[in-house]
Amino acid sequence: MTRTSISQADLARKTQEVVDRVQHGEIAVVESSGHEQAVVLDPLDFRLLRALAQCAIDDTERESQESDPDVRALHAYLADEISLGKTADLLDLSRFELQERFLRLGVPLRLGPATVEEARAEIEAALKLD
């Protein structure tokens, strides 16, 4: 994830440039006197981070948040219940966009089988489709 530090004055002068860069995957950290004051990030990244935070809390506390479809989708993905593609579908994103965002946000990607046994099971399932 590209991180850019910017002063409050530069943010005021270059607002549109900063917004454009944030929309392309950067995070802008607004600083004043060497101290971080605010972070500007893409709304979808914020949405995903918020849902991921909910997935990280205790199950009993999360139950009250389960009505959030983002939390449900990410929890199912992280629990190995659904694929990256299905997660993307539930989040109304393309698989490639979600993969890019997960990489940027440090979310583990599960692409393909993790073991030889899983690969064999996938092959057997594919052969049965014919």
N, C-alpha and C. Protein backbone atom coordinates (compact mmCIF):
# COMPACT_ATOMS: atom_id res chain seq x y z
N MET A 1 0.86 -1.15 0.00
CA MET A 1 0.00 0.00 0.00
C MET A 1 0.91 1.22 0.00
N THR A 2 0.73 2.08 -0.97
CA THR A 2 1.53 3.29 -1.05
C THR A 2 0.99 4.31 -0.07
N ARG A 3 1.90 4.85 0.71
CA ARG A 3 1.53 5.83 1.73
C ARG A 3 2.23 7.14 1.39
N THR A 4 1.46 8.20 1.35
CA THR A 4 1.99 9.52 1.06
C THR A 4 1.71 10.43 2.24
N SER A 5 2.75 11.11 2.71
CA SER A 5 2.55 12.10 3.77
C SER A 5 2.39 13.46 3.12
N ILE A 6 1.46 14.24 3.64
CA ILE A 6 1.18 15.55 3.06
C ILE A 6 0.82 16.52 4.19
N SER A 7 1.24 17.75 4.03
CA SER A 7 0.91 18.75 5.04
C SER A 7 -0.52 19.23 4.83
N GLN A 8 -1.09 19.84 5.85
CA GLN A 8 -2.43 20.38 5.73
C GLN A 8 -2.49 21.44 4.63
N ALA A 9 -1.44 22.26 4.53
CA ALA A 9 -1.40 23.31 3.49
C ALA A 9 -1.37 22.70 2.10
N ASP A 10 -0.54 21.65 1.92
CA ASP A 10 -0.48 20.99 0.61
C ASP A 10 -1.80 20.31 0.27
N LEU A 11 -2.44 19.74 1.29
CA LEU A 11 -3.75 19.12 1.05
C LEU A 11 -4.75 20.17 0.57
N ALA A 12 -4.72 21.35 1.16
CA ALA A 12 -5.63 22.42 0.76
C ALA A 12 -5.35 22.86 -0.68
N ARG A 13 -4.09 22.91 -1.05
CA ARG A 13 -3.73 23.35 -2.41
C ARG A 13 -3.91 22.26 -3.46
N LYS A 14 -3.76 21.01 -3.05
CA LYS A 14 -3.75 19.90 -4.01
C LYS A 14 -4.85 18.89 -3.72
N THR A 15 -5.98 19.35 -3.27
CA THR A 15 -7.05 18.44 -2.85
C THR A 15 -7.42 17.45 -3.96
N GLN A 16 -7.67 17.94 -5.16
CA GLN A 16 -8.10 17.05 -6.24
C GLN A 16 -7.02 16.04 -6.59
N GLU A 17 -5.77 16.46 -6.60
CA GLU A 17 -4.67 15.54 -6.88
C GLU A 17 -4.60 14.44 -5.82
N VAL A 18 -4.74 14.81 -4.56
CA VAL A 18 -4.71 13.83 -3.48
C VAL A 18 -5.88 12.86 -3.60
N VAL A 19 -7.06 13.38 -3.88
CA VAL A 19 -8.24 12.52 -4.04
C VAL A 19 -8.02 11.55 -5.20
N ASP A 20 -7.48 12.03 -6.31
CA ASP A 20 -7.22 11.15 -7.45
C ASP A 20 -6.23 10.05 -7.08
N ARG A 21 -5.19 10.39 -6.35
CA ARG A 21 -4.19 9.39 -5.96
C ARG A 21 -4.78 8.38 -4.99
N VAL A 22 -5.61 8.84 -4.08
CA VAL A 22 -6.26 7.94 -3.12
C VAL A 22 -7.18 6.97 -3.87
N GLN A 23 -7.87 7.46 -4.88
CA GLN A 23 -8.76 6.59 -5.66
C GLN A 23 -7.99 5.53 -6.44
N HIS A 24 -6.69 5.73 -6.58
CA HIS A 24 -5.85 4.75 -7.28
C HIS A 24 -5.00 3.93 -6.31
N GLY A 25 -5.42 3.86 -5.05
CA GLY A 25 -4.80 2.93 -4.12
C GLY A 25 -3.82 3.51 -3.12
N GLU A 26 -3.57 4.79 -3.16
CA GLU A 26 -2.67 5.38 -2.17
C GLU A 26 -3.44 5.74 -0.91
N ILE A 27 -2.68 5.86 0.17
CA ILE A 27 -3.22 6.40 1.41
C ILE A 27 -2.48 7.71 1.65
N ALA A 28 -3.22 8.76 1.94
CA ALA A 28 -2.61 10.06 2.23
C ALA A 28 -2.71 10.30 3.73
N VAL A 29 -1.56 10.51 4.34
CA VAL A 29 -1.50 10.82 5.77
C VAL A 29 -1.25 12.32 5.90
N VAL A 30 -2.20 13.00 6.49
CA VAL A 30 -2.10 14.45 6.66
C VAL A 30 -1.35 14.70 7.96
N GLU A 31 -0.26 15.49 7.84
CA GLU A 31 0.58 15.76 8.99
C GLU A 31 0.65 17.25 9.29
N SER A 32 0.89 17.55 10.54
CA SER A 32 1.10 18.92 10.98
C SER A 32 2.17 18.88 12.06
N SER A 33 3.23 19.63 11.87
CA SER A 33 4.36 19.66 12.82
C SER A 33 4.90 18.27 13.12
N GLY A 34 4.93 17.42 12.08
CA GLY A 34 5.47 16.08 12.23
C GLY A 34 4.56 15.07 12.89
N HIS A 35 3.33 15.48 13.18
CA HIS A 35 2.37 14.57 13.81
C HIS A 35 1.24 14.24 12.84
N GLU A 36 0.84 12.99 12.82
CA GLU A 36 -0.26 12.56 11.96
C GLU A 36 -1.56 13.16 12.49
N GLN A 37 -2.31 13.79 11.59
CA GLN A 37 -3.57 14.43 11.97
C GLN A 37 -4.78 13.68 11.43
N ALA A 38 -4.65 13.12 10.24
CA ALA A 38 -5.78 12.43 9.60
C ALA A 38 -5.24 11.52 8.50
N VAL A 39 -6.07 10.59 8.10
CA VAL A 39 -5.73 9.68 7.00
C VAL A 39 -6.84 9.77 5.97
N VAL A 40 -6.46 9.88 4.71
CA VAL A 40 -7.42 9.92 3.62
C VAL A 40 -7.24 8.61 2.84
N LEU A 41 -8.32 7.83 2.76
CA LEU A 41 -8.25 6.60 2.00
C LEU A 41 -9.53 6.40 1.21
N ASP A 42 -9.45 5.53 0.25
CA ASP A 42 -10.56 5.21 -0.63
C ASP A 42 -11.74 4.69 0.20
N PRO A 43 -12.97 5.11 -0.12
CA PRO A 43 -14.14 4.66 0.65
C PRO A 43 -14.31 3.14 0.68
N LEU A 44 -14.00 2.47 -0.41
CA LEU A 44 -14.15 1.01 -0.43
C LEU A 44 -13.09 0.36 0.46
N ASP A 45 -11.87 0.88 0.46
CA ASP A 45 -10.86 0.36 1.38
C ASP A 45 -11.31 0.55 2.82
N PHE A 46 -11.89 1.70 3.12
CA PHE A 46 -12.40 1.96 4.47
C PHE A 46 -13.49 0.96 4.82
N ARG A 47 -14.40 0.71 3.87
CA ARG A 47 -15.50 -0.23 4.08
C ARG A 47 -14.95 -1.63 4.39
N LEU A 48 -13.94 -2.04 3.61
CA LEU A 48 -13.35 -3.36 3.82
C LEU A 48 -12.60 -3.43 5.15
N LEU A 49 -11.85 -2.39 5.48
CA LEU A 49 -11.12 -2.38 6.75
C LEU A 49 -12.07 -2.43 7.94
N ARG A 50 -13.17 -1.69 7.84
CA ARG A 50 -14.16 -1.70 8.92
C ARG A 50 -14.76 -3.10 9.10
N ALA A 51 -15.09 -3.75 7.99
CA ALA A 51 -15.65 -5.10 8.05
C ALA A 51 -14.60 -6.10 8.56
N LEU A 52 -13.35 -5.94 8.14
CA LEU A 52 -12.29 -6.83 8.63
C LEU A 52 -12.09 -6.67 10.13
N ALA A 53 -12.19 -5.45 10.61
CA ALA A 53 -12.07 -5.21 12.06
C ALA A 53 -13.18 -5.94 12.80
N GLN A 54 -14.38 -5.92 12.25
CA GLN A 54 -15.50 -6.65 12.88
C GLN A 54 -15.24 -8.15 12.88
N CYS A 55 -14.60 -8.65 11.82
CA CYS A 55 -14.29 -10.08 11.75
C CYS A 55 -13.25 -10.47 12.79
N ALA A 56 -12.44 -9.53 13.23
CA ALA A 56 -11.36 -9.82 14.17
C ALA A 56 -11.81 -9.84 15.62
N ILE A 57 -13.00 -9.34 15.90
CA ILE A 57 -13.44 -9.30 17.30
C ILE A 57 -14.08 -10.62 17.71
N ASP A 58 -14.29 -10.78 18.97
CA ASP A 58 -14.88 -11.98 19.56
C ASP A 58 -16.22 -12.31 18.90
N ASP A 59 -16.47 -13.60 18.70
CA ASP A 59 -17.71 -14.06 18.05
C ASP A 59 -18.97 -13.54 18.73
N THR A 60 -18.98 -13.48 20.04
CA THR A 60 -20.20 -13.03 20.74
C THR A 60 -20.48 -11.56 20.48
N GLU A 61 -19.42 -10.76 20.36
CA GLU A 61 -19.61 -9.35 20.06
C GLU A 61 -19.99 -9.15 18.60
N ARG A 62 -19.47 -10.02 17.72
CA ARG A 62 -19.71 -9.87 16.29
C ARG A 62 -21.16 -10.19 15.92
N GLU A 63 -21.82 -11.01 16.71
CA GLU A 63 -23.20 -11.40 16.38
C GLU A 63 -24.08 -10.18 16.15
N SER A 64 -23.84 -9.12 16.87
CA SER A 64 -24.65 -7.91 16.68
C SER A 64 -24.33 -7.22 15.37
N GLN A 65 -23.18 -7.53 14.77
CA GLN A 65 -22.76 -6.91 13.51
C GLN A 65 -23.05 -7.79 12.30
N GLU A 66 -23.56 -8.99 12.52
CA GLU A 66 -23.77 -9.94 11.43
C GLU A 66 -24.80 -9.49 10.41
N SER A 67 -25.55 -8.44 10.71
CA SER A 67 -26.50 -7.95 9.72
C SER A 67 -25.79 -7.19 8.60
N ASP A 68 -24.53 -6.84 8.81
CA ASP A 68 -23.74 -6.14 7.79
C ASP A 68 -23.28 -7.16 6.75
N PRO A 69 -23.72 -7.03 5.50
CA PRO A 69 -23.35 -8.01 4.48
C PRO A 69 -21.86 -8.07 4.20
N ASP A 70 -21.15 -6.96 4.37
CA ASP A 70 -19.70 -6.96 4.18
C ASP A 70 -19.03 -7.84 5.23
N VAL A 71 -19.47 -7.72 6.48
CA VAL A 71 -18.91 -8.51 7.56
C VAL A 71 -19.20 -9.99 7.31
N ARG A 72 -20.43 -10.31 6.93
CA ARG A 72 -20.78 -11.72 6.66
C ARG A 72 -19.90 -12.30 5.56
N ALA A 73 -19.74 -11.54 4.46
CA ALA A 73 -18.96 -12.03 3.32
C ALA A 73 -17.49 -12.23 3.71
N LEU A 74 -16.91 -11.26 4.38
CA LEU A 74 -15.49 -11.37 4.74
C LEU A 74 -15.27 -12.44 5.81
N HIS A 75 -16.20 -12.55 6.73
CA HIS A 75 -16.08 -13.60 7.74
C HIS A 75 -16.12 -14.98 7.08
N ALA A 76 -17.02 -15.18 6.14
CA ALA A 76 -17.11 -16.46 5.45
C ALA A 76 -15.83 -16.74 4.64
N TYR A 77 -15.30 -15.72 4.00
CA TYR A 77 -14.05 -15.89 3.25
C TYR A 77 -12.90 -16.26 4.19
N LEU A 78 -12.75 -15.50 5.27
CA LEU A 78 -11.65 -15.76 6.20
C LEU A 78 -11.79 -17.10 6.91
N ALA A 79 -13.02 -17.59 7.05
CA ALA A 79 -13.27 -18.90 7.66
C ALA A 79 -13.14 -20.03 6.65
N ASP A 80 -12.74 -19.71 5.42
CA ASP A 80 -12.56 -20.71 4.36
C ASP A 80 -13.87 -21.34 3.91
N GLU A 81 -14.97 -20.63 4.09
CA GLU A 81 -16.27 -21.16 3.70
C GLU A 81 -16.64 -20.82 2.26
N ILE A 82 -16.09 -19.71 1.75
CA ILE A 82 -16.37 -19.30 0.37
C ILE A 82 -15.07 -18.85 -0.30
N SER A 83 -15.10 -18.84 -1.61
CA SER A 83 -13.91 -18.48 -2.39
C SER A 83 -13.77 -16.97 -2.52
N LEU A 84 -12.64 -16.56 -3.05
CA LEU A 84 -12.40 -15.15 -3.33
C LEU A 84 -13.44 -14.63 -4.33
N GLY A 85 -13.74 -15.43 -5.35
CA GLY A 85 -14.72 -15.02 -6.36
C GLY A 85 -16.11 -14.82 -5.77
N LYS A 86 -16.53 -15.74 -4.92
CA LYS A 86 -17.84 -15.62 -4.28
C LYS A 86 -17.86 -14.41 -3.34
N THR A 87 -16.76 -14.19 -2.63
CA THR A 87 -16.68 -13.02 -1.75
C THR A 87 -16.81 -11.74 -2.57
N ALA A 88 -16.11 -11.69 -3.68
CA ALA A 88 -16.18 -10.51 -4.56
C ALA A 88 -17.61 -10.30 -5.03
N ASP A 89 -18.27 -11.38 -5.40
CA ASP A 89 -19.66 -11.29 -5.86
C ASP A 89 -20.55 -10.71 -4.77
N LEU A 90 -20.38 -11.20 -3.54
CA LEU A 90 -21.19 -10.70 -2.43
C LEU A 90 -20.91 -9.23 -2.11
N LEU A 91 -19.68 -8.79 -2.40
CA LEU A 91 -19.30 -7.39 -2.15
C LEU A 91 -19.57 -6.51 -3.37
N ASP A 92 -20.11 -7.11 -4.42
CA ASP A 92 -20.41 -6.40 -5.67
C ASP A 92 -19.14 -5.81 -6.31
N LEU A 93 -18.09 -6.63 -6.32
CA LEU A 93 -16.81 -6.26 -6.93
C LEU A 93 -16.40 -7.35 -7.91
N SER A 94 -15.46 -7.02 -8.79
CA SER A 94 -14.87 -8.08 -9.61
C SER A 94 -13.86 -8.82 -8.75
N ARG A 95 -13.62 -10.06 -9.09
CA ARG A 95 -12.64 -10.86 -8.36
C ARG A 95 -11.28 -10.20 -8.38
N PHE A 96 -10.92 -9.61 -9.52
CA PHE A 96 -9.60 -8.99 -9.66
C PHE A 96 -9.48 -7.72 -8.82
N GLU A 97 -10.56 -6.95 -8.74
CA GLU A 97 -10.53 -5.74 -7.90
C GLU A 97 -10.40 -6.13 -6.43
N LEU A 98 -11.13 -7.15 -6.01
CA LEU A 98 -11.04 -7.57 -4.61
C LEU A 98 -9.65 -8.13 -4.33
N GLN A 99 -9.12 -8.90 -5.24
CA GLN A 99 -7.77 -9.44 -5.06
C GLN A 99 -6.75 -8.31 -4.91
N GLU A 100 -6.83 -7.29 -5.74
CA GLU A 100 -5.92 -6.15 -5.66
C GLU A 100 -6.07 -5.43 -4.32
N ARG A 101 -7.30 -5.24 -3.89
CA ARG A 101 -7.53 -4.56 -2.61
C ARG A 101 -7.04 -5.41 -1.45
N PHE A 102 -7.28 -6.71 -1.49
CA PHE A 102 -6.80 -7.59 -0.43
C PHE A 102 -5.27 -7.54 -0.35
N LEU A 103 -4.61 -7.55 -1.49
CA LEU A 103 -3.15 -7.45 -1.50
C LEU A 103 -2.71 -6.14 -0.86
N ARG A 104 -3.36 -5.06 -1.24
CA ARG A 104 -3.02 -3.73 -0.72
C ARG A 104 -3.26 -3.64 0.78
N LEU A 105 -4.33 -4.28 1.27
CA LEU A 105 -4.71 -4.19 2.67
C LEU A 105 -4.09 -5.29 3.54
N GLY A 106 -3.35 -6.21 2.92
CA GLY A 106 -2.69 -7.26 3.68
C GLY A 106 -3.59 -8.42 4.07
N VAL A 107 -4.69 -8.60 3.36
CA VAL A 107 -5.60 -9.71 3.63
C VAL A 107 -5.07 -10.95 2.89
N PRO A 108 -4.98 -12.08 3.57
CA PRO A 108 -4.44 -13.28 2.92
C PRO A 108 -5.32 -13.73 1.74
N LEU A 109 -4.65 -14.11 0.67
CA LEU A 109 -5.36 -14.62 -0.51
C LEU A 109 -5.29 -16.14 -0.51
N ARG A 110 -6.39 -16.74 -0.81
CA ARG A 110 -6.45 -18.19 -0.96
C ARG A 110 -6.78 -18.45 -2.42
N LEU A 111 -5.76 -18.69 -3.20
CA LEU A 111 -5.95 -18.92 -4.63
C LEU A 111 -5.59 -20.37 -4.94
N GLY A 112 -6.56 -21.12 -5.31
CA GLY A 112 -6.32 -22.51 -5.66
C GLY A 112 -6.19 -23.40 -4.43
N PRO A 113 -6.00 -24.69 -4.67
CA PRO A 113 -5.94 -25.65 -3.57
C PRO A 113 -4.68 -25.43 -2.73
N ALA A 114 -4.81 -25.67 -1.43
CA ALA A 114 -3.68 -25.49 -0.51
C ALA A 114 -2.87 -26.77 -0.35
N THR A 115 -3.49 -27.91 -0.69
CA THR A 115 -2.78 -29.19 -0.53
C THR A 115 -2.99 -30.04 -1.79
N VAL A 116 -2.19 -31.09 -1.88
CA VAL A 116 -2.33 -32.02 -3.01
C VAL A 116 -3.70 -32.69 -2.96
N GLU A 117 -4.16 -33.01 -1.76
CA GLU A 117 -5.47 -33.65 -1.61
C GLU A 117 -6.59 -32.74 -2.12
N GLU A 118 -6.50 -31.45 -1.80
CA GLU A 118 -7.50 -30.50 -2.30
C GLU A 118 -7.45 -30.41 -3.82
N ALA A 119 -6.25 -30.45 -4.38
CA ALA A 119 -6.11 -30.40 -5.85
C ALA A 119 -6.74 -31.63 -6.48
N ARG A 120 -6.50 -32.79 -5.89
CA ARG A 120 -7.10 -34.02 -6.43
C ARG A 120 -8.63 -33.97 -6.33
N ALA A 121 -9.14 -33.46 -5.22
CA ALA A 121 -10.59 -33.34 -5.06
C ALA A 121 -11.17 -32.40 -6.11
N GLU A 122 -10.47 -31.30 -6.40
CA GLU A 122 -10.94 -30.37 -7.44
C GLU A 122 -10.94 -31.03 -8.81
N ILE A 123 -9.91 -31.81 -9.10
CA ILE A 123 -9.83 -32.51 -10.39
C ILE A 123 -10.98 -33.51 -10.50
N GLU A 124 -11.21 -34.27 -9.45
CA GLU A 124 -12.31 -35.25 -9.46
C GLU A 124 -13.66 -34.55 -9.66
N ALA A 125 -13.85 -33.46 -8.99
CA ALA A 125 -15.11 -32.71 -9.13
C ALA A 125 -15.25 -32.18 -10.55
N ALA A 126 -14.18 -31.70 -11.13
CA ALA A 126 -14.22 -31.18 -12.50
C ALA A 126 -14.52 -32.29 -13.50
N LEU A 127 -13.95 -33.46 -13.29
CA LEU A 127 -14.19 -34.59 -14.21
C LEU A 127 -15.66 -35.04 -14.16
N LYS A 128 -16.30 -34.88 -13.02
CA LYS A 128 -17.69 -35.27 -12.87
C LYS A 128 -18.63 -34.30 -13.57
N LEU A 129 -18.16 -33.11 -13.89
CA LEU A 129 -19.00 -32.10 -14.55
C LEU A 129 -19.32 -32.49 -15.97
N ASP A 130 -18.48 -33.26 -16.58
CA ASP A 130 -18.65 -33.62 -17.99
C ASP A 130 -19.70 -34.63 -18.20
